[in-house]
Structures are given as C-alpha cells and as structure tokens.
Amino acid sequence: MPSDNSEMEWVLAAIAVALVVGLGIIPALRKKPAPPTPDDTQDREINELFATVDAEASADLVRLLHVRTRELIGRRVPVREIRAAPAPRVARIAFSSGDVVLVTTKAPGDLIAMAKAMQVTSVTLSELSMLQERPVLQFVWNYGHSLQVYAVGLDQAD
C-alpha cells in the first residue's frame, strides 16, 4: 500500500501537468480579432454619417425652438390644446397663437395634470432649457405648479 506522501506527490504532479497543459492550450483557444472587412468599414462610416446628421438636426431643432418659444414665453401665450401625435408617446401641445410643439413626457400620464389645469386656469410656457442634451420645456400654472416635458419637434396647426 503506497504511503500518503507518494499519493500527495502524484496528485501534485497531476495538477502541475494539468496547469502546464491548460495554460499552453488557453492562448491557442483565444480567438484573435478578425481584421475589419469592407462591410464593417462601410457600416462604421454610415453610422458616423448618421450620427453627424442627427447632431446637426438636433442643433437645428434647438435653434428653431428658441426662435419659436421666445415669443410664447415673453407674451405668456396660453396652451389651448393637448392632442395625440402619430408617433407613440408623443403629444402635440397647441398654443392660442397657432404654434404647435411636439413633446414627450418623462413618465406616462404626466400631461394629465396639465390637461386638468387647463380646464380651470391658464397654462403657459415659462422656460426652454437643455437637460442631457435634450430640449426641455417647462409649463407653469397657478400656485407654482409646473411640468417639464421633452421637446421632440415643431408642428404646424391643423
């Protein structure tokens, strides 16, 4: 019957062999990244172009919003209507001047409080600001109530 020391030596030797073999195999199993194909390069270029166009469109939207909302804020033009828009989770906010802004809310149902307030008081736009590179419109009404929504775009009166 073999001694405990020889069994231990065999176990340690087996572990050492397994480690050496395992470490030698692991690098061979690692895949090296494939060189970029022409399709990958084209996809990257197209994505970069789209990102550039999106950034320009976003900057244009912000400029147009500043121009269109300056008078709405200065004259305290009231909101007359909140209507659904064709896109999901987007609403049209129509002012008494005929201006219409497309918005989305931070949480579903946020526009309900504003719609209820419109039945009894005047709701006006108080501020256009930027939050995480998104234009934010702040609407206010009596007693310090307010609602912030994200501006998605401009629309025209129906």
N, C-alpha and C. Protein backbone atom coordinates (compact mmCIF):
# COMPACT_ATOMS: atom_id res chain seq x y z
N MET A 1 0.84 -1.17 0.00
CA MET A 1 0.00 0.00 0.00
C MET A 1 0.90 1.24 0.00
N PRO A 2 0.65 2.19 -0.92
CA PRO A 2 1.51 3.35 -1.01
C PRO A 2 1.29 4.27 0.15
N SER A 3 2.30 5.04 0.45
CA SER A 3 2.21 5.97 1.57
C SER A 3 1.44 7.21 1.16
N ASP A 4 1.00 7.98 2.16
CA ASP A 4 0.25 9.21 1.91
C ASP A 4 1.10 10.23 1.16
N ASN A 5 2.40 10.23 1.42
CA ASN A 5 3.29 11.18 0.73
C ASN A 5 3.35 10.91 -0.76
N SER A 6 3.42 9.63 -1.15
CA SER A 6 3.51 9.33 -2.58
C SER A 6 2.19 9.66 -3.28
N GLU A 7 1.08 9.45 -2.61
CA GLU A 7 -0.21 9.83 -3.20
C GLU A 7 -0.28 11.34 -3.38
N MET A 8 0.19 12.04 -2.40
CA MET A 8 0.18 13.50 -2.47
C MET A 8 1.08 13.97 -3.60
N GLU A 9 2.25 13.31 -3.77
CA GLU A 9 3.16 13.68 -4.85
C GLU A 9 2.50 13.45 -6.21
N TRP A 10 1.79 12.33 -6.33
CA TRP A 10 1.11 12.04 -7.60
C TRP A 10 0.01 13.07 -7.87
N VAL A 11 -0.72 13.44 -6.87
CA VAL A 11 -1.78 14.43 -7.04
C VAL A 11 -1.18 15.77 -7.43
N LEU A 12 -0.12 16.20 -6.76
CA LEU A 12 0.53 17.46 -7.09
C LEU A 12 1.12 17.42 -8.50
N ALA A 13 1.70 16.30 -8.88
CA ALA A 13 2.26 16.17 -10.23
C ALA A 13 1.15 16.25 -11.27
N ALA A 14 0.02 15.62 -11.00
CA ALA A 14 -1.11 15.65 -11.94
C ALA A 14 -1.64 17.08 -12.08
N ILE A 15 -1.72 17.79 -10.97
CA ILE A 15 -2.19 19.18 -11.01
C ILE A 15 -1.21 20.04 -11.79
N ALA A 16 0.09 19.83 -11.56
CA ALA A 16 1.11 20.60 -12.28
C ALA A 16 1.02 20.34 -13.78
N VAL A 17 0.88 19.08 -14.17
CA VAL A 17 0.76 18.74 -15.59
C VAL A 17 -0.49 19.38 -16.18
N ALA A 18 -1.61 19.31 -15.44
CA ALA A 18 -2.86 19.90 -15.93
C ALA A 18 -2.72 21.41 -16.12
N LEU A 19 -2.04 22.06 -15.19
CA LEU A 19 -1.84 23.51 -15.30
C LEU A 19 -0.98 23.86 -16.50
N VAL A 20 0.11 23.11 -16.69
CA VAL A 20 1.01 23.40 -17.80
C VAL A 20 0.28 23.18 -19.12
N VAL A 21 -0.44 22.07 -19.23
CA VAL A 21 -1.18 21.78 -20.46
C VAL A 21 -2.29 22.81 -20.65
N GLY A 22 -3.00 23.12 -19.58
CA GLY A 22 -4.10 24.09 -19.66
C GLY A 22 -3.62 25.46 -20.07
N LEU A 23 -2.53 25.91 -19.47
CA LEU A 23 -2.02 27.24 -19.81
C LEU A 23 -1.48 27.27 -21.23
N GLY A 24 -0.98 26.16 -21.69
CA GLY A 24 -0.49 26.11 -23.07
C GLY A 24 -1.62 26.10 -24.07
N ILE A 25 -2.75 25.53 -23.70
CA ILE A 25 -3.90 25.44 -24.61
C ILE A 25 -4.70 26.73 -24.63
N ILE A 26 -4.82 27.41 -23.50
CA ILE A 26 -5.67 28.59 -23.40
C ILE A 26 -5.31 29.65 -24.45
N PRO A 27 -4.04 30.00 -24.61
CA PRO A 27 -3.74 31.00 -25.64
C PRO A 27 -4.15 30.52 -27.04
N ALA A 28 -4.02 29.23 -27.30
CA ALA A 28 -4.41 28.72 -28.62
C ALA A 28 -5.92 28.80 -28.82
N LEU A 29 -6.69 28.71 -27.73
CA LEU A 29 -8.14 28.77 -27.83
C LEU A 29 -8.67 30.19 -27.99
N ARG A 30 -7.90 31.15 -27.51
CA ARG A 30 -8.33 32.55 -27.63
C ARG A 30 -8.37 32.93 -29.10
N LYS A 31 -9.48 33.53 -29.48
CA LYS A 31 -9.61 33.96 -30.87
C LYS A 31 -9.01 35.34 -31.02
N LYS A 32 -8.29 35.50 -32.07
CA LYS A 32 -7.75 36.80 -32.38
C LYS A 32 -8.82 37.55 -33.16
N PRO A 33 -8.92 38.87 -32.94
CA PRO A 33 -9.96 39.60 -33.66
C PRO A 33 -9.70 39.54 -35.16
N ALA A 34 -10.79 39.34 -35.86
CA ALA A 34 -10.69 39.27 -37.31
C ALA A 34 -10.41 40.66 -37.86
N PRO A 35 -9.64 40.73 -38.90
CA PRO A 35 -9.39 42.06 -39.49
C PRO A 35 -10.71 42.61 -40.02
N PRO A 36 -10.88 43.94 -39.97
CA PRO A 36 -12.14 44.51 -40.43
C PRO A 36 -12.37 44.22 -41.91
N THR A 37 -13.61 43.86 -42.19
CA THR A 37 -13.99 43.60 -43.57
C THR A 37 -14.48 44.91 -44.19
N PRO A 38 -14.56 44.96 -45.49
CA PRO A 38 -15.08 46.18 -46.12
C PRO A 38 -16.50 46.52 -45.64
N ASP A 39 -17.31 45.48 -45.36
CA ASP A 39 -18.66 45.73 -44.85
C ASP A 39 -18.63 46.41 -43.50
N ASP A 40 -17.72 45.97 -42.60
CA ASP A 40 -17.60 46.58 -41.27
C ASP A 40 -17.19 48.04 -41.40
N THR A 41 -16.26 48.31 -42.29
CA THR A 41 -15.80 49.69 -42.50
C THR A 41 -16.93 50.55 -43.03
N GLN A 42 -17.70 50.03 -43.98
CA GLN A 42 -18.83 50.78 -44.53
C GLN A 42 -19.89 51.03 -43.46
N ASP A 43 -20.18 50.01 -42.65
CA ASP A 43 -21.16 50.18 -41.57
C ASP A 43 -20.72 51.26 -40.60
N ARG A 44 -19.44 51.25 -40.24
CA ARG A 44 -18.93 52.25 -39.32
C ARG A 44 -19.05 53.65 -39.93
N GLU A 45 -18.69 53.78 -41.21
CA GLU A 45 -18.79 55.08 -41.88
C GLU A 45 -20.23 55.56 -41.96
N ILE A 46 -21.14 54.65 -42.27
CA ILE A 46 -22.56 55.02 -42.35
C ILE A 46 -23.07 55.45 -40.99
N ASN A 47 -22.70 54.72 -39.93
CA ASN A 47 -23.12 55.10 -38.58
C ASN A 47 -22.58 56.46 -38.19
N GLU A 48 -21.34 56.76 -38.57
CA GLU A 48 -20.76 58.07 -38.29
C GLU A 48 -21.51 59.17 -39.03
N LEU A 49 -21.88 58.91 -40.29
CA LEU A 49 -22.65 59.90 -41.06
C LEU A 49 -24.01 60.16 -40.41
N PHE A 50 -24.69 59.09 -40.02
CA PHE A 50 -25.98 59.25 -39.36
C PHE A 50 -25.85 60.02 -38.05
N ALA A 51 -24.80 59.75 -37.30
CA ALA A 51 -24.58 60.47 -36.04
C ALA A 51 -24.37 61.95 -36.32
N THR A 52 -23.64 62.28 -37.37
CA THR A 52 -23.40 63.68 -37.74
C THR A 52 -24.71 64.35 -38.13
N VAL A 53 -25.51 63.68 -38.94
CA VAL A 53 -26.80 64.24 -39.36
C VAL A 53 -27.71 64.43 -38.16
N ASP A 54 -27.75 63.44 -37.25
CA ASP A 54 -28.57 63.56 -36.04
C ASP A 54 -28.14 64.75 -35.20
N ALA A 55 -26.85 64.95 -35.05
CA ALA A 55 -26.34 66.07 -34.26
C ALA A 55 -26.73 67.40 -34.90
N GLU A 56 -26.61 67.49 -36.22
CA GLU A 56 -27.00 68.73 -36.92
C GLU A 56 -28.49 68.97 -36.80
N ALA A 57 -29.30 67.93 -36.96
CA ALA A 57 -30.75 68.07 -36.85
C ALA A 57 -31.14 68.49 -35.44
N SER A 58 -30.48 67.93 -34.45
CA SER A 58 -30.76 68.29 -33.06
C SER A 58 -30.42 69.76 -32.80
N ALA A 59 -29.28 70.21 -33.33
CA ALA A 59 -28.88 71.62 -33.16
C ALA A 59 -29.88 72.53 -33.85
N ASP A 60 -30.34 72.14 -35.05
CA ASP A 60 -31.34 72.94 -35.77
C ASP A 60 -32.65 73.00 -34.98
N LEU A 61 -33.06 71.89 -34.41
CA LEU A 61 -34.29 71.86 -33.62
C LEU A 61 -34.19 72.82 -32.45
N VAL A 62 -33.07 72.80 -31.75
CA VAL A 62 -32.89 73.68 -30.58
C VAL A 62 -32.95 75.14 -31.02
N ARG A 63 -32.28 75.47 -32.14
CA ARG A 63 -32.33 76.85 -32.63
C ARG A 63 -33.75 77.27 -32.98
N LEU A 64 -34.47 76.41 -33.69
CA LEU A 64 -35.86 76.72 -34.06
C LEU A 64 -36.75 76.85 -32.82
N LEU A 65 -36.54 75.98 -31.86
CA LEU A 65 -37.31 76.06 -30.62
C LEU A 65 -37.08 77.39 -29.91
N HIS A 66 -35.83 77.82 -29.85
CA HIS A 66 -35.53 79.10 -29.21
C HIS A 66 -36.26 80.24 -29.93
N VAL A 67 -36.24 80.22 -31.25
CA VAL A 67 -36.91 81.28 -32.02
C VAL A 67 -38.42 81.24 -31.79
N ARG A 68 -39.02 80.04 -31.88
CA ARG A 68 -40.47 79.91 -31.79
C ARG A 68 -40.98 80.11 -30.36
N THR A 69 -40.20 79.70 -29.36
CA THR A 69 -40.71 79.80 -27.98
C THR A 69 -40.41 81.14 -27.32
N ARG A 70 -39.49 81.91 -27.87
CA ARG A 70 -39.15 83.21 -27.27
C ARG A 70 -40.41 84.07 -27.12
N GLU A 71 -41.20 84.16 -28.17
CA GLU A 71 -42.43 84.97 -28.11
C GLU A 71 -43.48 84.31 -27.21
N LEU A 72 -43.58 83.00 -27.28
CA LEU A 72 -44.56 82.30 -26.43
C LEU A 72 -44.28 82.56 -24.95
N ILE A 73 -43.02 82.54 -24.59
CA ILE A 73 -42.63 82.77 -23.20
C ILE A 73 -42.82 84.25 -22.84
N GLY A 74 -42.33 85.13 -23.71
CA GLY A 74 -42.40 86.57 -23.42
C GLY A 74 -43.83 87.10 -23.32
N ARG A 75 -44.70 86.63 -24.19
CA ARG A 75 -46.09 87.11 -24.18
C ARG A 75 -47.01 86.25 -23.31
N ARG A 76 -46.45 85.19 -22.73
CA ARG A 76 -47.23 84.26 -21.88
C ARG A 76 -48.46 83.75 -22.63
N VAL A 77 -48.21 83.24 -23.83
CA VAL A 77 -49.28 82.71 -24.68
C VAL A 77 -49.78 81.40 -24.06
N PRO A 78 -51.10 81.30 -23.81
CA PRO A 78 -51.62 80.10 -23.15
C PRO A 78 -51.70 78.88 -24.08
N VAL A 79 -51.60 77.73 -23.46
CA VAL A 79 -51.80 76.46 -24.17
C VAL A 79 -53.31 76.29 -24.37
N ARG A 80 -53.70 75.93 -25.58
CA ARG A 80 -55.13 75.75 -25.87
C ARG A 80 -55.54 74.29 -25.99
N GLU A 81 -54.59 73.44 -26.39
CA GLU A 81 -54.97 72.06 -26.65
C GLU A 81 -53.79 71.12 -26.45
N ILE A 82 -54.11 69.91 -26.02
CA ILE A 82 -53.14 68.82 -26.00
C ILE A 82 -53.77 67.71 -26.82
N ARG A 83 -53.09 67.33 -27.90
CA ARG A 83 -53.62 66.30 -28.80
C ARG A 83 -52.59 65.19 -28.98
N ALA A 84 -53.09 64.05 -29.38
CA ALA A 84 -52.19 62.93 -29.69
C ALA A 84 -51.45 63.22 -30.99
N ALA A 85 -50.27 62.70 -31.11
CA ALA A 85 -49.48 62.79 -32.34
C ALA A 85 -49.37 61.38 -32.92
N PRO A 86 -49.01 61.28 -34.19
CA PRO A 86 -48.95 59.95 -34.81
C PRO A 86 -47.90 59.01 -34.20
N ALA A 87 -46.86 59.55 -33.61
CA ALA A 87 -45.82 58.70 -33.02
C ALA A 87 -46.23 58.25 -31.62
N PRO A 88 -45.81 57.09 -31.19
CA PRO A 88 -46.15 56.63 -29.84
C PRO A 88 -45.49 57.51 -28.77
N ARG A 89 -46.22 57.78 -27.71
CA ARG A 89 -45.77 58.57 -26.56
C ARG A 89 -45.37 60.00 -26.93
N VAL A 90 -45.92 60.52 -28.01
CA VAL A 90 -45.67 61.90 -28.42
C VAL A 90 -47.01 62.62 -28.47
N ALA A 91 -47.03 63.85 -27.96
CA ALA A 91 -48.25 64.66 -27.96
C ALA A 91 -47.98 65.99 -28.65
N ARG A 92 -49.06 66.58 -29.16
CA ARG A 92 -48.99 67.93 -29.74
C ARG A 92 -49.53 68.89 -28.70
N ILE A 93 -48.74 69.90 -28.38
CA ILE A 93 -49.22 70.96 -27.49
C ILE A 93 -49.43 72.18 -28.37
N ALA A 94 -50.70 72.60 -28.48
CA ALA A 94 -51.06 73.72 -29.34
C ALA A 94 -51.31 74.96 -28.49
N PHE A 95 -50.73 76.08 -28.90
CA PHE A 95 -50.89 77.36 -28.21
C PHE A 95 -51.97 78.19 -28.91
N SER A 96 -52.49 79.17 -28.22
CA SER A 96 -53.53 80.01 -28.80
C SER A 96 -53.03 80.83 -29.98
N SER A 97 -51.72 80.97 -30.12
CA SER A 97 -51.14 81.70 -31.25
C SER A 97 -51.09 80.86 -32.52
N GLY A 98 -51.38 79.57 -32.41
CA GLY A 98 -51.31 78.67 -33.55
C GLY A 98 -50.03 77.85 -33.59
N ASP A 99 -49.07 78.18 -32.75
CA ASP A 99 -47.84 77.39 -32.68
C ASP A 99 -48.13 76.04 -32.06
N VAL A 100 -47.43 75.02 -32.56
CA VAL A 100 -47.60 73.65 -32.04
C VAL A 100 -46.22 73.05 -31.82
N VAL A 101 -46.05 72.44 -30.66
CA VAL A 101 -44.80 71.78 -30.31
C VAL A 101 -45.10 70.31 -30.05
N LEU A 102 -44.23 69.44 -30.59
CA LEU A 102 -44.33 68.01 -30.32
C LEU A 102 -43.49 67.70 -29.09
N VAL A 103 -44.09 66.98 -28.14
CA VAL A 103 -43.39 66.69 -26.89
C VAL A 103 -43.57 65.23 -26.50
N THR A 104 -42.68 64.78 -25.65
CA THR A 104 -42.83 63.50 -24.98
C THR A 104 -42.59 63.75 -23.49
N THR A 105 -43.17 62.93 -22.66
CA THR A 105 -43.08 63.16 -21.22
C THR A 105 -42.02 62.26 -20.60
N LYS A 106 -41.63 62.62 -19.40
CA LYS A 106 -40.66 61.81 -18.67
C LYS A 106 -41.29 60.51 -18.21
N ALA A 107 -42.58 60.56 -17.85
CA ALA A 107 -43.29 59.36 -17.41
C ALA A 107 -44.69 59.37 -18.03
N PRO A 108 -45.23 58.21 -18.33
CA PRO A 108 -46.59 58.17 -18.89
C PRO A 108 -47.58 58.85 -17.94
N GLY A 109 -48.49 59.63 -18.52
CA GLY A 109 -49.52 60.28 -17.72
C GLY A 109 -49.15 61.64 -17.18
N ASP A 110 -47.94 62.11 -17.44
CA ASP A 110 -47.52 63.42 -16.92
C ASP A 110 -48.39 64.57 -17.43
N LEU A 111 -48.92 64.45 -18.64
CA LEU A 111 -49.71 65.55 -19.21
C LEU A 111 -51.11 65.65 -18.61
N ILE A 112 -51.52 64.66 -17.85
CA ILE A 112 -52.87 64.69 -17.27
C ILE A 112 -53.05 65.87 -16.32
N ALA A 113 -52.07 66.12 -15.48
CA ALA A 113 -52.16 67.25 -14.54
C ALA A 113 -52.28 68.57 -15.30
N MET A 114 -51.52 68.71 -16.37
CA MET A 114 -51.58 69.93 -17.16
C MET A 114 -52.94 70.06 -17.86
N ALA A 115 -53.46 68.97 -18.38
CA ALA A 115 -54.77 68.99 -19.05
C ALA A 115 -55.88 69.37 -18.06
N LYS A 116 -55.80 68.85 -16.84
CA LYS A 116 -56.79 69.22 -15.81
C LYS A 116 -56.69 70.70 -15.46
N ALA A 117 -55.46 71.19 -15.34
CA ALA A 117 -55.26 72.60 -15.00
C ALA A 117 -55.80 73.50 -16.10
N MET A 118 -55.69 73.09 -17.35
CA MET A 118 -56.17 73.90 -18.48
C MET A 118 -57.68 74.12 -18.42
N GLN A 119 -58.41 73.27 -17.73
CA GLN A 119 -59.86 73.42 -17.63
C GLN A 119 -60.25 74.57 -16.70
N VAL A 120 -59.36 74.95 -15.79
CA VAL A 120 -59.73 75.97 -14.80
C VAL A 120 -58.81 77.19 -14.78
N THR A 121 -57.65 77.10 -15.42
CA THR A 121 -56.71 78.22 -15.38
C THR A 121 -55.88 78.26 -16.66
N SER A 122 -55.07 79.26 -16.76
CA SER A 122 -54.20 79.42 -17.92
C SER A 122 -52.88 78.69 -17.67
N VAL A 123 -52.47 77.88 -18.65
CA VAL A 123 -51.19 77.17 -18.60
C VAL A 123 -50.30 77.81 -19.65
N THR A 124 -49.11 78.23 -19.23
CA THR A 124 -48.19 78.90 -20.17
C THR A 124 -46.82 78.24 -20.13
N LEU A 125 -46.07 78.51 -21.19
CA LEU A 125 -44.69 78.05 -21.27
C LEU A 125 -43.81 79.05 -20.55
N SER A 126 -42.98 78.58 -19.64
CA SER A 126 -42.14 79.52 -18.87
C SER A 126 -40.67 79.45 -19.23
N GLU A 127 -40.21 78.32 -19.78
CA GLU A 127 -38.78 78.19 -19.99
C GLU A 127 -38.47 77.10 -21.01
N LEU A 128 -37.42 77.33 -21.77
CA LEU A 128 -36.81 76.31 -22.62
C LEU A 128 -35.39 76.14 -22.13
N SER A 129 -35.03 74.91 -21.76
CA SER A 129 -33.67 74.65 -21.27
C SER A 129 -33.19 73.33 -21.87
N MET A 130 -31.97 72.99 -21.55
CA MET A 130 -31.39 71.74 -22.04
C MET A 130 -31.12 70.83 -20.86
N LEU A 131 -31.47 69.57 -21.00
CA LEU A 131 -31.21 68.57 -19.98
C LEU A 131 -30.63 67.35 -20.68
N GLN A 132 -29.39 67.04 -20.40
CA GLN A 132 -28.70 65.91 -21.02
C GLN A 132 -28.82 66.00 -22.54
N GLU A 133 -28.54 67.17 -23.07
CA GLU A 133 -28.54 67.45 -24.50
C GLU A 133 -29.91 67.28 -25.14
N ARG A 134 -30.97 67.34 -24.34
CA ARG A 134 -32.34 67.29 -24.88
C ARG A 134 -33.05 68.57 -24.49
N PRO A 135 -33.80 69.17 -25.42
CA PRO A 135 -34.53 70.39 -25.08
C PRO A 135 -35.71 70.07 -24.17
N VAL A 136 -35.83 70.85 -23.09
CA VAL A 136 -36.89 70.65 -22.10
C VAL A 136 -37.74 71.92 -22.05
N LEU A 137 -39.05 71.74 -22.13
CA LEU A 137 -39.99 72.84 -22.00
C LEU A 137 -40.63 72.77 -20.62
N GLN A 138 -40.73 73.91 -19.95
CA GLN A 138 -41.37 73.93 -18.65
C GLN A 138 -42.66 74.75 -18.75
N PHE A 139 -43.76 74.12 -18.40
CA PHE A 139 -45.06 74.77 -18.39
C PHE A 139 -45.44 75.06 -16.95
N VAL A 140 -46.11 76.21 -16.73
CA VAL A 140 -46.50 76.60 -15.37
C VAL A 140 -47.97 77.02 -15.36
N TRP A 141 -48.55 76.91 -14.17
CA TRP A 141 -49.90 77.41 -13.94
C TRP A 141 -50.02 77.80 -12.49
N ASN A 142 -51.21 78.14 -12.04
CA ASN A 142 -51.45 78.72 -10.71
C ASN A 142 -50.74 77.99 -9.57
N TYR A 143 -50.37 78.80 -8.59
CA TYR A 143 -49.84 78.31 -7.31
C TYR A 143 -48.56 77.50 -7.44
N GLY A 144 -47.73 77.86 -8.39
CA GLY A 144 -46.42 77.24 -8.52
C GLY A 144 -46.40 75.85 -9.12
N HIS A 145 -47.49 75.40 -9.70
CA HIS A 145 -47.49 74.09 -10.34
C HIS A 145 -46.74 74.18 -11.66
N SER A 146 -46.05 73.11 -12.00
CA SER A 146 -45.30 73.11 -13.25
C SER A 146 -45.14 71.69 -13.77
N LEU A 147 -44.75 71.61 -15.03
CA LEU A 147 -44.50 70.32 -15.67
C LEU A 147 -43.38 70.51 -16.68
N GLN A 148 -42.41 69.61 -16.66
CA GLN A 148 -41.34 69.62 -17.65
C GLN A 148 -41.56 68.47 -18.62
N VAL A 149 -41.43 68.78 -19.92
CA VAL A 149 -41.56 67.78 -20.97
C VAL A 149 -40.38 67.94 -21.92
N TYR A 150 -40.08 66.88 -22.66
CA TYR A 150 -39.02 66.94 -23.66
C TYR A 150 -39.61 67.38 -24.99
N ALA A 151 -39.01 68.37 -25.62
CA ALA A 151 -39.43 68.80 -26.95
C ALA A 151 -38.86 67.84 -27.98
N VAL A 152 -39.73 67.33 -28.84
CA VAL A 152 -39.33 66.38 -29.87
C VAL A 152 -39.21 67.09 -31.23
N GLY A 153 -40.07 68.09 -31.44
CA GLY A 153 -40.05 68.78 -32.71
C GLY A 153 -41.11 69.86 -32.75
N LEU A 154 -41.21 70.49 -33.89
CA LEU A 154 -42.22 71.52 -34.12
C LEU A 154 -43.24 70.97 -35.10
N ASP A 155 -44.44 71.48 -35.01
CA ASP A 155 -45.52 71.05 -35.90
C ASP A 155 -46.27 72.28 -36.32
N GLN A 156 -47.19 72.13 -37.22
CA GLN A 156 -48.00 73.27 -37.62
C GLN A 156 -49.44 73.02 -37.22
N ALA A 157 -50.16 74.10 -37.03
CA ALA A 157 -51.56 73.99 -36.62
C ALA A 157 -52.35 73.28 -37.70
N ASP A 158 -53.31 72.47 -37.27
CA ASP A 158 -54.17 71.76 -38.24
C ASP A 158 -55.26 72.66 -38.76
